[in-house]
Amino acid sequence: MFSGDLIFYPLQGAGIVNAQEVHEFQGEAQKYFKVFIPLSKLEILIPHHKAAELGIRPLSTLDVLDRSRARFFDPSLPLPADPAQRRNLLQAKLTTGALTDEVELIRDLVCADKDTIRFSRHDRYMLQTACRMLISELMVAEDISYEFARQIVEEDIEIRVSGDERYYYRYV
């Protein structure tokens, strides 16, 4: 990663590498990436040697974002009825930081059978977090406002929930 690179930090969102700095930690000089996260207006230092372990990846290209958007309209996968199993599955998907996992998580939660699965507070939190991460990535990758990115995500969710398949094909 270099200054100016666009990255994605799982559970934090899309960011811009502003600099590489050296700081002393426990008596040792260590390299850090200084990253600005626009969604939260937060500047963070990420240890150079832990970047891969933390799941930091390059920001998705517009082509990858479009393919993931089309994937949102693929058939949904059933979620476990057991809340503990569902929590573990959703948490694992969200912490990978992979765009496809975020999109699938949103899709599967909004399409879940509300008669067989009673959503917990954690399920709703996972949905909100995944939406926030997707909005963050759209904002930075497409250089659009938060409101416009949020509108795109909300409209896709409305189309998906409506079940009107006429709209699905415009993304495939």
C-alpha atoms as a PDB file:
ATOM      1  CA  MET A   1       0.000   0.000   0.000  1.00  0.00           C
ATOM      2  CA  PHE A   2       1.141   3.482  -0.850  1.00  0.00           C
ATOM      3  CA  SER A   3      -0.070   7.002  -0.168  1.00  0.00           C
ATOM      4  CA  GLY A   4      -3.226   7.689  -2.121  1.00  0.00           C
ATOM      5  CA  ASP A   5      -4.251   4.012  -2.361  1.00  0.00           C
ATOM      6  CA  LEU A   6      -7.901   3.249  -1.732  1.00  0.00           C
ATOM      7  CA  ILE A   7      -8.456   0.366   0.675  1.00  0.00           C
ATOM      8  CA  PHE A   8     -11.213  -1.432   2.527  1.00  0.00           C
ATOM      9  CA  TYR A   9     -10.878  -2.195   6.236  1.00  0.00           C
ATOM     10  CA  PRO A  10     -13.452  -4.733   7.491  1.00  0.00           C
ATOM     11  CA  LEU A  11     -15.939  -3.293   9.982  1.00  0.00           C
ATOM     12  CA  GLN A  12     -14.453   0.187   9.452  1.00  0.00           C
ATOM     13  CA  GLY A  13     -15.150   0.834   5.782  1.00  0.00           C
ATOM     14  CA  ALA A  14     -13.394   2.253   2.780  1.00  0.00           C
ATOM     15  CA  GLY A  15     -10.375   4.411   3.356  1.00  0.00           C
ATOM     16  CA  ILE A  16      -7.555   6.340   1.785  1.00  0.00           C
ATOM     17  CA  VAL A  17      -3.933   5.703   2.717  1.00  0.00           C
ATOM     18  CA  ASN A  18      -2.552   9.142   3.555  1.00  0.00           C
ATOM     19  CA  ALA A  19       0.959   8.189   4.559  1.00  0.00           C
ATOM     20  CA  GLN A  20       3.316   5.571   5.905  1.00  0.00           C
ATOM     21  CA  GLU A  21       4.827   6.465   9.238  1.00  0.00           C
ATOM     22  CA  VAL A  22       7.246   4.942  11.691  1.00  0.00           C
ATOM     23  CA  HIS A  23       6.310   5.005  15.378  1.00  0.00           C
ATOM     24  CA  GLU A  24       7.929   3.475  18.382  1.00  0.00           C
ATOM     25  CA  PHE A  25       5.882   0.755  20.060  1.00  0.00           C
ATOM     26  CA  GLN A  26       7.199  -1.156  23.069  1.00  0.00           C
ATOM     27  CA  GLY A  27      10.683   0.084  22.368  1.00  0.00           C
ATOM     28  CA  GLU A  28      10.664  -0.958  18.700  1.00  0.00           C
ATOM     29  CA  ALA A  29      10.280   1.163  15.598  1.00  0.00           C
ATOM     30  CA  GLN A  30       7.301  -0.095  13.584  1.00  0.00           C
ATOM     31  CA  LYS A  31       5.793   0.954  10.263  1.00  0.00           C
ATOM     32  CA  TYR A  32       2.186   2.086  10.173  1.00  0.00           C
ATOM     33  CA  PHE A  33      -0.246   3.065   7.445  1.00  0.00           C
ATOM     34  CA  LYS A  34      -2.077   6.281   8.229  1.00  0.00           C
ATOM     35  CA  VAL A  35      -5.577   5.789   6.817  1.00  0.00           C
ATOM     36  CA  PHE A  36      -8.516   8.185   6.622  1.00  0.00           C
ATOM     37  CA  ILE A  37     -11.973   6.554   6.762  1.00  0.00           C
ATOM     38  CA  PRO A  38     -14.413   9.060   5.167  1.00  0.00           C
ATOM     39  CA  LEU A  39     -17.599   7.398   6.454  1.00  0.00           C
ATOM     40  CA  SER A  40     -16.660   7.927  10.094  1.00  0.00           C
ATOM     41  CA  LYS A  41     -14.309  10.857   9.432  1.00  0.00           C
ATOM     42  CA  LEU A  42     -11.687   8.933  11.353  1.00  0.00           C
ATOM     43  CA  GLU A  43      -7.933   8.764  10.856  1.00  0.00           C
ATOM     44  CA  ILE A  44      -6.358   5.525  12.064  1.00  0.00           C
ATOM     45  CA  LEU A  45      -2.934   3.951  12.179  1.00  0.00           C
ATOM     46  CA  ILE A  46      -2.713   0.363  10.961  1.00  0.00           C
ATOM     47  CA  PRO A  47       0.407  -1.650  11.762  1.00  0.00           C
ATOM     48  CA  HIS A  48       2.116  -2.541   8.495  1.00  0.00           C
ATOM     49  CA  HIS A  49       2.754  -6.151   9.572  1.00  0.00           C
ATOM     50  CA  LYS A  50      -0.912  -6.715  10.538  1.00  0.00           C
ATOM     51  CA  ALA A  51      -2.641  -5.292   7.454  1.00  0.00           C
ATOM     52  CA  ALA A  52      -3.254  -8.683   5.803  1.00  0.00           C
ATOM     53  CA  GLU A  53      -4.258 -10.290   9.094  1.00  0.00           C
ATOM     54  CA  LEU A  54      -6.852  -7.540   9.639  1.00  0.00           C
ATOM     55  CA  GLY A  55      -8.378  -8.298   6.231  1.00  0.00           C
ATOM     56  CA  ILE A  56      -7.399  -5.018   4.640  1.00  0.00           C
ATOM     57  CA  ARG A  57      -7.745  -5.231   0.878  1.00  0.00           C
ATOM     58  CA  PRO A  58      -7.668  -2.882  -2.101  1.00  0.00           C
ATOM     59  CA  LEU A  59     -10.958  -1.105  -2.717  1.00  0.00           C
ATOM     60  CA  SER A  60     -13.207  -2.886  -5.206  1.00  0.00           C
ATOM     61  CA  THR A  61     -13.232  -1.639  -8.770  1.00  0.00           C
ATOM     62  CA  LEU A  62     -16.439  -0.349 -10.350  1.00  0.00           C
ATOM     63  CA  ASP A  63     -16.650  -3.562 -12.382  1.00  0.00           C
ATOM     64  CA  VAL A  64     -16.452  -5.696  -9.230  1.00  0.00           C
ATOM     65  CA  LEU A  65     -19.082  -3.503  -7.559  1.00  0.00           C
ATOM     66  CA  ASP A  66     -21.412  -3.981 -10.538  1.00  0.00           C
ATOM     67  CA  ARG A  67     -20.926  -7.768 -10.497  1.00  0.00           C
ATOM     68  CA  SER A  68     -21.606  -7.839  -6.767  1.00  0.00           C
ATOM     69  CA  ARG A  69     -24.726  -5.775  -7.280  1.00  0.00           C
ATOM     70  CA  ALA A  70     -25.937  -8.355  -9.805  1.00  0.00           C
ATOM     71  CA  ARG A  71     -25.149 -11.094  -7.287  1.00  0.00           C
ATOM     72  CA  PHE A  72     -27.519  -9.381  -4.866  1.00  0.00           C
ATOM     73  CA  PHE A  73     -30.343 -10.464  -7.181  1.00  0.00           C
ATOM     74  CA  ASP A  74     -29.226 -14.123  -7.280  1.00  0.00           C
ATOM     75  CA  PRO A  75     -31.334 -16.604  -5.299  1.00  0.00           C
ATOM     76  CA  SER A  76     -30.862 -16.153  -1.571  1.00  0.00           C
ATOM     77  CA  LEU A  77     -29.431 -18.826   0.673  1.00  0.00           C
ATOM     78  CA  PRO A  78     -31.371 -20.035   3.717  1.00  0.00           C
ATOM     79  CA  LEU A  79     -30.086 -18.847   7.063  1.00  0.00           C
ATOM     80  CA  PRO A  80     -29.871 -21.148  10.090  1.00  0.00           C
ATOM     81  CA  ALA A  81     -32.983 -20.989  12.271  1.00  0.00           C
ATOM     82  CA  ASP A  82     -30.829 -21.339  15.377  1.00  0.00           C
ATOM     83  CA  PRO A  83     -29.846 -17.806  16.514  1.00  0.00           C
ATOM     84  CA  ALA A  84     -26.376 -18.847  17.718  1.00  0.00           C
ATOM     85  CA  GLN A  85     -25.519 -20.562  14.427  1.00  0.00           C
ATOM     86  CA  ARG A  86     -26.907 -17.625  12.469  1.00  0.00           C
ATOM     87  CA  ARG A  87     -24.886 -15.166  14.564  1.00  0.00           C
ATOM     88  CA  ASN A  88     -21.664 -17.103  13.949  1.00  0.00           C
ATOM     89  CA  LEU A  89     -22.328 -17.338  10.210  1.00  0.00           C
ATOM     90  CA  LEU A  90     -23.165 -13.639   9.844  1.00  0.00           C
ATOM     91  CA  GLN A  91     -20.223 -12.538  11.984  1.00  0.00           C
ATOM     92  CA  ALA A  92     -17.825 -14.711   9.992  1.00  0.00           C
ATOM     93  CA  LYS A  93     -19.079 -13.275   6.691  1.00  0.00           C
ATOM     94  CA  LEU A  94     -18.884  -9.696   7.877  1.00  0.00           C
ATOM     95  CA  THR A  95     -15.375  -9.920   9.311  1.00  0.00           C
ATOM     96  CA  THR A  96     -13.869 -11.316   6.090  1.00  0.00           C
ATOM     97  CA  GLY A  97     -14.291  -7.902   4.525  1.00  0.00           C
ATOM     98  CA  ALA A  98     -15.019  -9.543   1.167  1.00  0.00           C
ATOM     99  CA  LEU A  99     -17.504  -7.560  -0.887  1.00  0.00           C
ATOM    100  CA  THR A 100     -19.321 -10.707  -1.995  1.00  0.00           C
ATOM    101  CA  ASP A 101     -19.807 -11.744   1.638  1.00  0.00           C
ATOM    102  CA  GLU A 102     -21.270  -8.335   2.515  1.00  0.00           C
ATOM    103  CA  VAL A 103     -23.658  -8.413  -0.435  1.00  0.00           C
ATOM    104  CA  GLU A 104     -24.722 -12.000   0.286  1.00  0.00           C
ATOM    105  CA  LEU A 105     -25.261 -11.169   3.950  1.00  0.00           C
ATOM    106  CA  ILE A 106     -27.558  -8.271   3.039  1.00  0.00           C
ATOM    107  CA  ARG A 107     -29.377 -10.347   0.422  1.00  0.00           C
ATOM    108  CA  ASP A 108     -29.889 -13.344   2.681  1.00  0.00           C
ATOM    109  CA  LEU A 109     -31.117 -11.253   5.607  1.00  0.00           C
ATOM    110  CA  VAL A 110     -33.594  -9.167   3.601  1.00  0.00           C
ATOM    111  CA  CYS A 111     -34.908 -12.308   1.888  1.00  0.00           C
ATOM    112  CA  ALA A 112     -35.061 -14.480   5.015  1.00  0.00           C
ATOM    113  CA  ASP A 113     -38.372 -16.139   5.701  1.00  0.00           C
ATOM    114  CA  LYS A 114     -39.790 -13.976   8.484  1.00  0.00           C
ATOM    115  CA  ASP A 115     -42.210 -16.767   9.426  1.00  0.00           C
ATOM    116  CA  THR A 116     -39.471 -19.256  10.328  1.00  0.00           C
ATOM    117  CA  ILE A 117     -36.731 -16.880  11.506  1.00  0.00           C
ATOM    118  CA  ARG A 118     -37.324 -14.369  14.236  1.00  0.00           C
ATOM    119  CA  PHE A 119     -34.719 -11.651  13.824  1.00  0.00           C
ATOM    120  CA  SER A 120     -32.687 -10.778  16.870  1.00  0.00           C
ATOM    121  CA  ARG A 121     -31.148  -7.434  17.656  1.00  0.00           C
ATOM    122  CA  HIS A 122     -27.838  -8.903  16.486  1.00  0.00           C
ATOM    123  CA  ASP A 123     -29.324  -9.833  13.084  1.00  0.00           C
ATOM    124  CA  ARG A 124     -30.529  -6.263  12.592  1.00  0.00           C
ATOM    125  CA  TYR A 125     -27.145  -4.933  13.699  1.00  0.00           C
ATOM    126  CA  MET A 126     -25.371  -7.214  11.192  1.00  0.00           C
ATOM    127  CA  LEU A 127     -27.673  -5.980   8.410  1.00  0.00           C
ATOM    128  CA  GLN A 128     -27.059  -2.334   9.330  1.00  0.00           C
ATOM    129  CA  THR A 129     -23.307  -2.875   9.535  1.00  0.00           C
ATOM    130  CA  ALA A 130     -23.126  -4.691   6.191  1.00  0.00           C
ATOM    131  CA  CYS A 131     -25.185  -1.913   4.561  1.00  0.00           C
ATOM    132  CA  ARG A 132     -22.920   0.724   6.111  1.00  0.00           C
ATOM    133  CA  MET A 133     -19.808  -1.068   4.786  1.00  0.00           C
ATOM    134  CA  LEU A 134     -21.301  -1.361   1.295  1.00  0.00           C
ATOM    135  CA  ILE A 135     -22.309   2.312   1.341  1.00  0.00           C
ATOM    136  CA  SER A 136     -18.787   3.227   2.424  1.00  0.00           C
ATOM    137  CA  GLU A 137     -17.251   1.279  -0.439  1.00  0.00           C
ATOM    138  CA  LEU A 138     -19.666   2.794  -2.968  1.00  0.00           C
ATOM    139  CA  MET A 139     -18.938   6.312  -1.677  1.00  0.00           C
ATOM    140  CA  VAL A 140     -15.201   6.069  -2.132  1.00  0.00           C
ATOM    141  CA  ALA A 141     -15.065   3.870  -5.253  1.00  0.00           C
ATOM    142  CA  GLU A 142     -17.625   5.885  -7.194  1.00  0.00           C
ATOM    143  CA  ASP A 143     -16.739   9.225  -5.565  1.00  0.00           C
ATOM    144  CA  ILE A 144     -20.344   9.921  -4.569  1.00  0.00           C
ATOM    145  CA  SER A 145     -21.982  11.320  -1.469  1.00  0.00           C
ATOM    146  CA  TYR A 146     -23.098   9.237   1.476  1.00  0.00           C
ATOM    147  CA  GLU A 147     -26.736  10.073   0.732  1.00  0.00           C
ATOM    148  CA  PHE A 148     -26.508   8.958  -2.893  1.00  0.00           C
ATOM    149  CA  ALA A 149     -24.706   5.714  -1.971  1.00  0.00           C
ATOM    150  CA  ARG A 150     -27.305   5.022   0.735  1.00  0.00           C
ATOM    151  CA  GLN A 151     -30.088   5.656  -1.764  1.00  0.00           C
ATOM    152  CA  ILE A 152     -28.585   3.114  -4.203  1.00  0.00           C
ATOM    153  CA  VAL A 153     -28.389   0.430  -1.501  1.00  0.00           C
ATOM    154  CA  GLU A 154     -31.891   1.164  -0.166  1.00  0.00           C
ATOM    155  CA  GLU A 155     -33.439   1.094  -3.652  1.00  0.00           C
ATOM    156  CA  ASP A 156     -31.816  -2.268  -4.414  1.00  0.00           C
ATOM    157  CA  ILE A 157     -33.140  -3.657  -1.133  1.00  0.00           C
ATOM    158  CA  GLU A 158     -36.647  -2.359  -1.920  1.00  0.00           C
ATOM    159  CA  ILE A 159     -36.539  -3.962  -5.380  1.00  0.00           C
ATOM    160  CA  ARG A 160     -35.295  -7.244  -3.927  1.00  0.00           C
ATOM    161  CA  VAL A 161     -37.911  -7.313  -1.174  1.00  0.00           C
ATOM    162  CA  SER A 162     -40.707  -6.441  -3.608  1.00  0.00           C
ATOM    163  CA  GLY A 163     -39.964  -9.633  -5.520  1.00  0.00           C
ATOM    164  CA  ASP A 164     -40.592  -7.875  -8.829  1.00  0.00           C
ATOM    165  CA  GLU A 165     -38.220  -9.799 -11.094  1.00  0.00           C
ATOM    166  CA  ARG A 166     -38.621  -7.284 -13.932  1.00  0.00           C
ATOM    167  CA  TYR A 167     -36.040  -5.127 -12.148  1.00  0.00           C
ATOM    168  CA  TYR A 168     -33.541  -7.919 -11.509  1.00  0.00           C
ATOM    169  CA  TYR A 169     -32.365  -8.104 -15.080  1.00  0.00           C
ATOM    170  CA  ARG A 170     -31.183  -4.559 -15.352  1.00  0.00           C
ATOM    171  CA  TYR A 171     -28.259  -5.541 -13.101  1.00  0.00           C
ATOM    172  CA  VAL A 172     -27.358  -8.879 -14.662  1.00  0.00           C
END
